[in-house]
Amino acid sequence: MALAALQSKAATKDQLISDLEKARKILYDTRPTAVNLKWRLDKIMIVANSGNTVEQIKQSVINEAKKMAEEDIQINKTMGK
């Protein structure tokens, strides 16, 4: 989702949200039974929809994706102990 945000050529919030929704659908359709994936994609869209400008949305999506990645690392480290 962060990559989709970065690659988007959207000039408006609505265009960017549309691009992110397309990316969300593609990602979800690859693993429709992955509950955690759906939850995280939905979370990213909540973050995206709360932004006011294209740049703000892009930065928020990237920050949320980084946060999620770090959480995954910590969870995996804990499970590996």
Protein backbone atom coordinates (compact mmCIF):
# COMPACT_ATOMS: atom_id res chain seq x y z
CA MET A 1 0.00 0.00 0.00
CA ALA A 2 2.89 2.32 0.75
CA LEU A 3 4.34 1.54 -2.66
CA ALA A 4 0.98 2.22 -4.29
CA ALA A 5 0.83 5.55 -2.50
CA LEU A 6 4.34 6.46 -3.60
CA GLN A 7 3.73 5.44 -7.21
CA SER A 8 0.38 7.19 -7.49
CA LYS A 9 0.27 10.16 -9.83
CA ALA A 10 -2.91 11.42 -8.13
CA ALA A 11 -3.36 15.15 -7.92
CA THR A 12 -6.37 15.03 -5.60
CA LYS A 13 -7.36 13.17 -2.46
CA ASP A 14 -10.15 11.35 -4.31
CA GLN A 15 -7.78 10.16 -7.02
CA LEU A 16 -5.29 8.89 -4.45
CA ILE A 17 -7.99 7.11 -2.45
CA SER A 18 -9.14 5.48 -5.70
CA ASP A 19 -5.58 4.33 -6.47
CA LEU A 20 -5.23 2.93 -2.96
CA GLU A 21 -8.59 1.14 -3.20
CA LYS A 22 -7.43 -0.51 -6.44
CA ALA A 23 -4.20 -1.64 -4.77
CA ARG A 24 -6.16 -2.86 -1.74
CA LYS A 25 -8.43 -4.95 -3.96
CA ILE A 26 -5.52 -6.50 -5.84
CA LEU A 27 -3.73 -7.38 -2.62
CA TYR A 28 -6.84 -8.73 -0.93
CA ASP A 29 -7.83 -10.80 -3.97
CA THR A 30 -4.46 -12.58 -3.86
CA ARG A 31 -5.17 -13.91 -0.33
CA PRO A 32 -8.89 -13.60 0.44
CA THR A 33 -8.69 -15.91 3.46
CA ALA A 34 -5.81 -14.02 5.11
CA VAL A 35 -7.63 -12.35 8.00
CA ASN A 36 -4.61 -10.34 9.16
CA LEU A 37 -4.05 -9.03 5.63
CA LYS A 38 -7.64 -7.83 5.36
CA TRP A 39 -7.44 -6.19 8.78
CA ARG A 40 -4.23 -4.37 7.86
CA LEU A 41 -5.50 -3.28 4.45
CA ASP A 42 -8.62 -1.91 6.10
CA LYS A 43 -6.48 -0.09 8.68
CA ILE A 44 -4.40 1.53 5.92
CA MET A 45 -7.57 2.72 4.21
CA ILE A 46 -8.86 4.23 7.46
CA VAL A 47 -5.57 6.10 7.79
CA ALA A 48 -5.71 7.19 4.14
CA ASN A 49 -9.29 8.42 4.38
CA SER A 50 -8.46 10.52 7.43
CA GLY A 51 -5.92 12.59 5.51
CA ASN A 52 -6.74 15.93 3.94
CA THR A 53 -4.15 16.31 1.20
CA VAL A 54 -2.38 13.97 -1.21
CA GLU A 55 0.97 14.49 0.51
CA GLN A 56 -0.50 14.04 3.97
CA ILE A 57 -2.20 10.81 2.92
CA LYS A 58 0.95 9.47 1.29
CA GLN A 59 3.02 10.20 4.39
CA SER A 60 0.40 8.73 6.73
CA VAL A 61 0.11 5.54 4.67
CA ILE A 62 3.89 5.14 4.59
CA ASN A 63 4.18 5.76 8.33
CA GLU A 64 1.42 3.25 9.10
CA ALA A 65 3.00 0.64 6.83
CA LYS A 66 6.36 1.09 8.58
CA LYS A 67 4.65 0.80 11.96
CA MET A 68 2.92 -2.41 10.87
CA ALA A 69 6.18 -3.86 9.57
CA GLU A 70 7.91 -3.12 12.87
CA GLU A 71 5.04 -4.71 14.80
CA ASP A 72 5.35 -7.84 12.62
CA ILE A 73 9.08 -8.03 13.33
CA GLN A 74 8.48 -7.82 17.07
CA ILE A 75 5.71 -10.45 16.94
CA ASN A 76 7.92 -12.81 14.94
CA LYS A 77 10.85 -12.32 17.32
CA THR A 78 8.58 -13.11 20.25
CA MET A 79 7.24 -16.25 18.56
CA GLY A 80 10.80 -17.32 17.75
CA LYS A 81 11.86 -17.38 21.39
